[in-house]
Amino acid sequence: MDANKAKAIRYFLSESQVEFSKRIGVSASTICAIEKGQRDITDYIRAKLVRIEAGLTEDFFVFYERFRINT
């Protein structure tokens, strides 16, 4: 799990950084710093993201491929 995939998950869920931070259980500034590459993803956050990703539909993986190309 890297910062780009974390951001893609947030975009796929159509959540703001504030909404996504509440889902993860961290501050919005932490999400912002991760997405900007200013902060590493901790094991706690990685575990939360993996659980969220596991619950996403196959549509996410199509979305993520396009997201990677465009970022």
PDB file of N, CA and C in Angstrom:
ATOM      1  N   MET A   1       0.852  -1.174   0.000  1.00  0.00           N
ATOM      2  CA  MET A   1       0.000   0.000   0.000  1.00  0.00           C
ATOM      3  C   MET A   1       0.896   1.234   0.000  1.00  0.00           C
ATOM      4  N   ASP A   2       0.689   2.094  -0.964  1.00  0.00           N
ATOM      5  CA  ASP A   2       1.453   3.336  -1.019  1.00  0.00           C
ATOM      6  C   ASP A   2       0.498   4.529  -0.976  1.00  0.00           C
ATOM      7  N   ALA A   3       1.074   5.717  -0.930  1.00  0.00           N
ATOM      8  CA  ALA A   3       0.283   6.940  -0.803  1.00  0.00           C
ATOM      9  C   ALA A   3      -0.662   7.126  -1.991  1.00  0.00           C
ATOM     10  N   ASN A   4      -0.210   6.769  -3.176  1.00  0.00           N
ATOM     11  CA  ASN A   4      -1.033   6.944  -4.368  1.00  0.00           C
ATOM     12  C   ASN A   4      -2.274   6.045  -4.307  1.00  0.00           C
ATOM     13  N   LYS A   5      -2.094   4.820  -3.837  1.00  0.00           N
ATOM     14  CA  LYS A   5      -3.235   3.913  -3.735  1.00  0.00           C
ATOM     15  C   LYS A   5      -4.193   4.375  -2.639  1.00  0.00           C
ATOM     16  N   ALA A   6      -3.652   4.877  -1.549  1.00  0.00           N
ATOM     17  CA  ALA A   6      -4.496   5.411  -0.480  1.00  0.00           C
ATOM     18  C   ALA A   6      -5.350   6.563  -1.009  1.00  0.00           C
ATOM     19  N   LYS A   7      -4.735   7.429  -1.792  1.00  0.00           N
ATOM     20  CA  LYS A   7      -5.471   8.555  -2.368  1.00  0.00           C
ATOM     21  C   LYS A   7      -6.524   8.058  -3.361  1.00  0.00           C
ATOM     22  N   ALA A   8      -6.180   7.043  -4.133  1.00  0.00           N
ATOM     23  CA  ALA A   8      -7.137   6.469  -5.085  1.00  0.00           C
ATOM     24  C   ALA A   8      -8.347   5.890  -4.365  1.00  0.00           C
ATOM     25  N   ILE A   9      -8.113   5.225  -3.235  1.00  0.00           N
ATOM     26  CA  ILE A   9      -9.222   4.678  -2.460  1.00  0.00           C
ATOM     27  C   ILE A   9     -10.135   5.815  -2.001  1.00  0.00           C
ATOM     28  N   ARG A  10      -9.535   6.880  -1.501  1.00  0.00           N
ATOM     29  CA  ARG A  10     -10.323   8.028  -1.045  1.00  0.00           C
ATOM     30  C   ARG A  10     -11.130   8.622  -2.190  1.00  0.00           C
ATOM     31  N   TYR A  11     -10.492   8.805  -3.339  1.00  0.00           N
ATOM     32  CA  TYR A  11     -11.202   9.356  -4.497  1.00  0.00           C
ATOM     33  C   TYR A  11     -12.327   8.420  -4.930  1.00  0.00           C
ATOM     34  N   PHE A  12     -12.056   7.121  -4.954  1.00  0.00           N
ATOM     35  CA  PHE A  12     -13.064   6.145  -5.369  1.00  0.00           C
ATOM     36  C   PHE A  12     -14.283   6.207  -4.460  1.00  0.00           C
ATOM     37  N   LEU A  13     -14.052   6.410  -3.180  1.00  0.00           N
ATOM     38  CA  LEU A  13     -15.141   6.505  -2.210  1.00  0.00           C
ATOM     39  C   LEU A  13     -15.797   7.890  -2.212  1.00  0.00           C
ATOM     40  N   SER A  14     -15.250   8.808  -2.994  1.00  0.00           N
ATOM     41  CA  SER A  14     -15.756  10.185  -3.094  1.00  0.00           C
ATOM     42  C   SER A  14     -15.816  10.864  -1.733  1.00  0.00           C
ATOM     43  N   GLU A  15     -14.735  10.705  -0.977  1.00  0.00           N
ATOM     44  CA  GLU A  15     -14.669  11.306   0.350  1.00  0.00           C
ATOM     45  C   GLU A  15     -13.626  12.414   0.389  1.00  0.00           C
ATOM     46  N   SER A  16     -13.910  13.423   1.172  1.00  0.00           N
ATOM     47  CA  SER A  16     -12.921  14.473   1.415  1.00  0.00           C
ATOM     48  C   SER A  16     -11.846  13.901   2.340  1.00  0.00           C
ATOM     49  N   GLN A  17     -10.768  14.652   2.506  1.00  0.00           N
ATOM     50  CA  GLN A  17      -9.733  14.201   3.429  1.00  0.00           C
ATOM     51  C   GLN A  17     -10.275  14.119   4.851  1.00  0.00           C
ATOM     52  N   VAL A  18     -11.157  15.018   5.203  1.00  0.00           N
ATOM     53  CA  VAL A  18     -11.757  15.006   6.544  1.00  0.00           C
ATOM     54  C   VAL A  18     -12.612  13.752   6.732  1.00  0.00           C
ATOM     55  N   GLU A  19     -13.469  13.468   5.762  1.00  0.00           N
ATOM     56  CA  GLU A  19     -14.318  12.276   5.856  1.00  0.00           C
ATOM     57  C   GLU A  19     -13.480  11.001   5.910  1.00  0.00           C
ATOM     58  N   PHE A  20     -12.472  10.936   5.050  1.00  0.00           N
ATOM     59  CA  PHE A  20     -11.624   9.748   4.980  1.00  0.00           C
ATOM     60  C   PHE A  20     -10.820   9.587   6.267  1.00  0.00           C
ATOM     61  N   SER A  21     -10.361  10.686   6.825  1.00  0.00           N
ATOM     62  CA  SER A  21      -9.587  10.610   8.061  1.00  0.00           C
ATOM     63  C   SER A  21     -10.435  10.051   9.198  1.00  0.00           C
ATOM     64  N   LYS A  22     -11.715  10.413   9.233  1.00  0.00           N
ATOM     65  CA  LYS A  22     -12.613   9.871  10.255  1.00  0.00           C
ATOM     66  C   LYS A  22     -12.803   8.377  10.065  1.00  0.00           C
ATOM     67  N   ARG A  23     -12.912   7.945   8.814  1.00  0.00           N
ATOM     68  CA  ARG A  23     -13.063   6.511   8.513  1.00  0.00           C
ATOM     69  C   ARG A  23     -11.828   5.735   8.982  1.00  0.00           C
ATOM     70  N   ILE A  24     -10.644   6.320   8.767  1.00  0.00           N
ATOM     71  CA  ILE A  24      -9.386   5.661   9.123  1.00  0.00           C
ATOM     72  C   ILE A  24      -9.102   5.782  10.617  1.00  0.00           C
ATOM     73  N   GLY A  25      -9.491   6.891  11.207  1.00  0.00           N
ATOM     74  CA  GLY A  25      -9.224   7.120  12.623  1.00  0.00           C
ATOM     75  C   GLY A  25      -7.958   7.918  12.879  1.00  0.00           C
ATOM     76  N   VAL A  26      -7.654   8.823  11.941  1.00  0.00           N
ATOM     77  CA  VAL A  26      -6.503   9.720  12.083  1.00  0.00           C
ATOM     78  C   VAL A  26      -6.948  11.138  11.741  1.00  0.00           C
ATOM     79  N   SER A  27      -6.049  12.099  11.893  1.00  0.00           N
ATOM     80  CA  SER A  27      -6.405  13.483  11.571  1.00  0.00           C
ATOM     81  C   SER A  27      -6.377  13.714  10.056  1.00  0.00           C
ATOM     82  N   ALA A  28      -7.098  14.732   9.640  1.00  0.00           N
ATOM     83  CA  ALA A  28      -7.105  15.112   8.219  1.00  0.00           C
ATOM     84  C   ALA A  28      -5.708  15.542   7.781  1.00  0.00           C
ATOM     85  N   SER A  29      -4.959  16.169   8.672  1.00  0.00           N
ATOM     86  CA  SER A  29      -3.600  16.592   8.317  1.00  0.00           C
ATOM     87  C   SER A  29      -2.697  15.386   8.067  1.00  0.00           C
ATOM     88  N   THR A  30      -2.966  14.284   8.739  1.00  0.00           N
ATOM     89  CA  THR A  30      -2.201  13.055   8.495  1.00  0.00           C
ATOM     90  C   THR A  30      -2.490  12.532   7.095  1.00  0.00           C
ATOM     91  N   ILE A  31      -3.754  12.516   6.707  1.00  0.00           N
ATOM     92  CA  ILE A  31      -4.121  12.067   5.357  1.00  0.00           C
ATOM     93  C   ILE A  31      -3.476  12.977   4.315  1.00  0.00           C
ATOM     94  N   CYS A  32      -3.528  14.267   4.544  1.00  0.00           N
ATOM     95  CA  CYS A  32      -2.923  15.236   3.626  1.00  0.00           C
ATOM     96  C   CYS A  32      -1.425  14.982   3.487  1.00  0.00           C
ATOM     97  N   ALA A  33      -0.740  14.798   4.600  1.00  0.00           N
ATOM     98  CA  ALA A  33       0.709  14.577   4.574  1.00  0.00           C
ATOM     99  C   ALA A  33       1.067  13.267   3.872  1.00  0.00           C
ATOM    100  N   ILE A  34       0.264  12.240   4.074  1.00  0.00           N
ATOM    101  CA  ILE A  34       0.507  10.962   3.385  1.00  0.00           C
ATOM    102  C   ILE A  34       0.357  11.144   1.887  1.00  0.00           C
ATOM    103  N   GLU A  35      -0.724  11.796   1.473  1.00  0.00           N
ATOM    104  CA  GLU A  35      -0.979  11.979   0.042  1.00  0.00           C
ATOM    105  C   GLU A  35       0.084  12.846  -0.624  1.00  0.00           C
ATOM    106  N   LYS A  36       0.684  13.757   0.115  1.00  0.00           N
ATOM    107  CA  LYS A  36       1.745  14.611  -0.431  1.00  0.00           C
ATOM    108  C   LYS A  36       3.125  13.950  -0.352  1.00  0.00           C
ATOM    109  N   GLY A  37       3.190  12.773   0.263  1.00  0.00           N
ATOM    110  CA  GLY A  37       4.466  12.082   0.404  1.00  0.00           C
ATOM    111  C   GLY A  37       5.338  12.642   1.511  1.00  0.00           C
ATOM    112  N   GLN A  38       4.729  13.389   2.428  1.00  0.00           N
ATOM    113  CA  GLN A  38       5.476  14.004   3.527  1.00  0.00           C
ATOM    114  C   GLN A  38       5.482  13.134   4.775  1.00  0.00           C
ATOM    115  N   ARG A  39       4.702  12.069   4.743  1.00  0.00           N
ATOM    116  CA  ARG A  39       4.607  11.191   5.900  1.00  0.00           C
ATOM    117  C   ARG A  39       4.429   9.756   5.419  1.00  0.00           C
ATOM    118  N   ASP A  40       5.098   8.839   6.084  1.00  0.00           N
ATOM    119  CA  ASP A  40       4.962   7.424   5.742  1.00  0.00           C
ATOM    120  C   ASP A  40       3.637   6.881   6.265  1.00  0.00           C
ATOM    121  N   ILE A  41       3.177   5.820   5.637  1.00  0.00           N
ATOM    122  CA  ILE A  41       1.973   5.142   6.100  1.00  0.00           C
ATOM    123  C   ILE A  41       2.378   4.195   7.220  1.00  0.00           C
ATOM    124  N   THR A  42       1.806   4.395   8.382  1.00  0.00           N
ATOM    125  CA  THR A  42       2.117   3.531   9.526  1.00  0.00           C
ATOM    126  C   THR A  42       1.432   2.182   9.355  1.00  0.00           C
ATOM    127  N   ASP A  43       1.856   1.212  10.147  1.00  0.00           N
ATOM    128  CA  ASP A  43       1.227  -0.108  10.102  1.00  0.00           C
ATOM    129  C   ASP A  43      -0.264  -0.024  10.430  1.00  0.00           C
ATOM    130  N   TYR A  44      -0.611   0.833  11.386  1.00  0.00           N
ATOM    131  CA  TYR A  44      -2.014   1.012  11.763  1.00  0.00           C
ATOM    132  C   TYR A  44      -2.842   1.496  10.572  1.00  0.00           C
ATOM    133  N   ILE A  45      -2.360   2.531   9.902  1.00  0.00           N
ATOM    134  CA  ILE A  45      -3.085   3.093   8.758  1.00  0.00           C
ATOM    135  C   ILE A  45      -3.115   2.093   7.615  1.00  0.00           C
ATOM    136  N   ARG A  46      -1.992   1.419   7.375  1.00  0.00           N
ATOM    137  CA  ARG A  46      -1.924   0.418   6.309  1.00  0.00           C
ATOM    138  C   ARG A  46      -2.968  -0.680   6.541  1.00  0.00           C
ATOM    139  N   ALA A  47      -3.082  -1.144   7.775  1.00  0.00           N
ATOM    140  CA  ALA A  47      -4.061  -2.192   8.085  1.00  0.00           C
ATOM    141  C   ALA A  47      -5.480  -1.709   7.814  1.00  0.00           C
ATOM    142  N   LYS A  48      -5.777  -0.467   8.188  1.00  0.00           N
ATOM    143  CA  LYS A  48      -7.100   0.098   7.930  1.00  0.00           C
ATOM    144  C   LYS A  48      -7.372   0.177   6.428  1.00  0.00           C
ATOM    145  N   LEU A  49      -6.377   0.644   5.669  1.00  0.00           N
ATOM    146  CA  LEU A  49      -6.527   0.781   4.220  1.00  0.00           C
ATOM    147  C   LEU A  49      -6.726  -0.569   3.547  1.00  0.00           C
ATOM    148  N   VAL A  50      -5.986  -1.567   3.996  1.00  0.00           N
ATOM    149  CA  VAL A  50      -6.116  -2.910   3.418  1.00  0.00           C
ATOM    150  C   VAL A  50      -7.523  -3.453   3.672  1.00  0.00           C
ATOM    151  N   ARG A  51      -8.058  -3.225   4.864  1.00  0.00           N
ATOM    152  CA  ARG A  51      -9.427  -3.664   5.171  1.00  0.00           C
ATOM    153  C   ARG A  51     -10.448  -2.957   4.289  1.00  0.00           C
ATOM    154  N   ILE A  52     -10.247  -1.665   4.092  1.00  0.00           N
ATOM    155  CA  ILE A  52     -11.160  -0.914   3.222  1.00  0.00           C
ATOM    156  C   ILE A  52     -11.065  -1.436   1.794  1.00  0.00           C
ATOM    157  N   GLU A  53      -9.840  -1.609   1.314  1.00  0.00           N
ATOM    158  CA  GLU A  53      -9.635  -2.095  -0.055  1.00  0.00           C
ATOM    159  C   GLU A  53     -10.278  -3.462  -0.254  1.00  0.00           C
ATOM    160  N   ALA A  54     -10.181  -4.324   0.734  1.00  0.00           N
ATOM    161  CA  ALA A  54     -10.752  -5.671   0.628  1.00  0.00           C
ATOM    162  C   ALA A  54     -12.262  -5.629   0.445  1.00  0.00           C
ATOM    163  N   GLY A  55     -12.900  -4.581   0.923  1.00  0.00           N
ATOM    164  CA  GLY A  55     -14.343  -4.459   0.808  1.00  0.00           C
ATOM    165  C   GLY A  55     -14.824  -3.749  -0.441  1.00  0.00           C
ATOM    166  N   LEU A  56     -13.897  -3.305  -1.277  1.00  0.00           N
ATOM    167  CA  LEU A  56     -14.285  -2.579  -2.486  1.00  0.00           C
ATOM    168  C   LEU A  56     -14.630  -3.542  -3.610  1.00  0.00           C
ATOM    169  N   THR A  57     -15.439  -3.057  -4.523  1.00  0.00           N
ATOM    170  CA  THR A  57     -15.838  -3.869  -5.679  1.00  0.00           C
ATOM    171  C   THR A  57     -14.713  -3.917  -6.706  1.00  0.00           C
ATOM    172  N   GLU A  58     -14.886  -4.779  -7.684  1.00  0.00           N
ATOM    173  CA  GLU A  58     -13.923  -4.891  -8.781  1.00  0.00           C
ATOM    174  C   GLU A  58     -13.775  -3.570  -9.537  1.00  0.00           C
ATOM    175  N   ASP A  59     -14.791  -2.740  -9.497  1.00  0.00           N
ATOM    176  CA  ASP A  59     -14.741  -1.440 -10.164  1.00  0.00           C
ATOM    177  C   ASP A  59     -13.567  -0.600  -9.661  1.00  0.00           C
ATOM    178  N   PHE A  60     -13.206  -0.804  -8.402  1.00  0.00           N
ATOM    179  CA  PHE A  60     -12.083  -0.031  -7.860  1.00  0.00           C
ATOM    180  C   PHE A  60     -10.801  -0.304  -8.625  1.00  0.00           C
ATOM    181  N   PHE A  61     -10.551  -1.552  -8.977  1.00  0.00           N
ATOM    182  CA  PHE A  61      -9.292  -1.901  -9.627  1.00  0.00           C
ATOM    183  C   PHE A  61      -9.206  -1.318 -11.033  1.00  0.00           C
ATOM    184  N   VAL A  62     -10.335  -1.228 -11.711  1.00  0.00           N
ATOM    185  CA  VAL A  62     -10.387  -0.544 -13.010  1.00  0.00           C
ATOM    186  C   VAL A  62     -10.123   0.950 -12.790  1.00  0.00           C
ATOM    187  N   PHE A  63     -10.785   1.510 -11.790  1.00  0.00           N
ATOM    188  CA  PHE A  63     -10.588   2.920 -11.440  1.00  0.00           C
ATOM    189  C   PHE A  63      -9.123   3.188 -11.101  1.00  0.00           C
ATOM    190  N   TYR A  64      -8.528   2.303 -10.306  1.00  0.00           N
ATOM    191  CA  TYR A  64      -7.150   2.498  -9.862  1.00  0.00           C
ATOM    192  C   TYR A  64      -6.165   2.470 -11.033  1.00  0.00           C
ATOM    193  N   GLU A  65      -6.383   1.615 -11.981  1.00  0.00           N
ATOM    194  CA  GLU A  65      -5.502   1.571 -13.167  1.00  0.00           C
ATOM    195  C   GLU A  65      -5.545   2.908 -13.896  1.00  0.00           C
ATOM    196  N   ARG A  66      -6.723   3.460 -14.079  1.00  0.00           N
ATOM    197  CA  ARG A  66      -6.853   4.765 -14.735  1.00  0.00           C
ATOM    198  C   ARG A  66      -6.254   5.874 -13.870  1.00  0.00           C
ATOM    199  N   PHE A  67      -6.465   5.779 -12.582  1.00  0.00           N
ATOM    200  CA  PHE A  67      -5.948   6.772 -11.636  1.00  0.00           C
ATOM    201  C   PHE A  67      -4.429   6.806 -11.703  1.00  0.00           C
ATOM    202  N   ARG A  68      -3.791   5.641 -11.713  1.00  0.00           N
ATOM    203  CA  ARG A  68      -2.323   5.562 -11.767  1.00  0.00           C
ATOM    204  C   ARG A  68      -1.779   6.194 -13.049  1.00  0.00           C
ATOM    205  N   ILE A  69      -2.443   5.963 -14.126  1.00  0.00           N
ATOM    206  CA  ILE A  69      -1.988   6.506 -15.415  1.00  0.00           C
ATOM    207  C   ILE A  69      -2.063   8.034 -15.415  1.00  0.00           C
ATOM    208  N   ASN A  70      -3.098   8.570 -14.761  1.00  0.00           N
ATOM    209  CA  ASN A  70      -3.348  10.006 -14.789  1.00  0.00           C
ATOM    210  C   ASN A  70      -2.668  10.780 -13.671  1.00  0.00           C
ATOM    211  N   THR A  71      -1.955  10.103 -12.773  1.00  0.00           N
ATOM    212  CA  THR A  71      -1.284  10.825 -11.685  1.00  0.00           C
ATOM    213  C   THR A  71       0.210  10.698 -11.783  1.00  0.00           C
TER     214      THR A  71
END
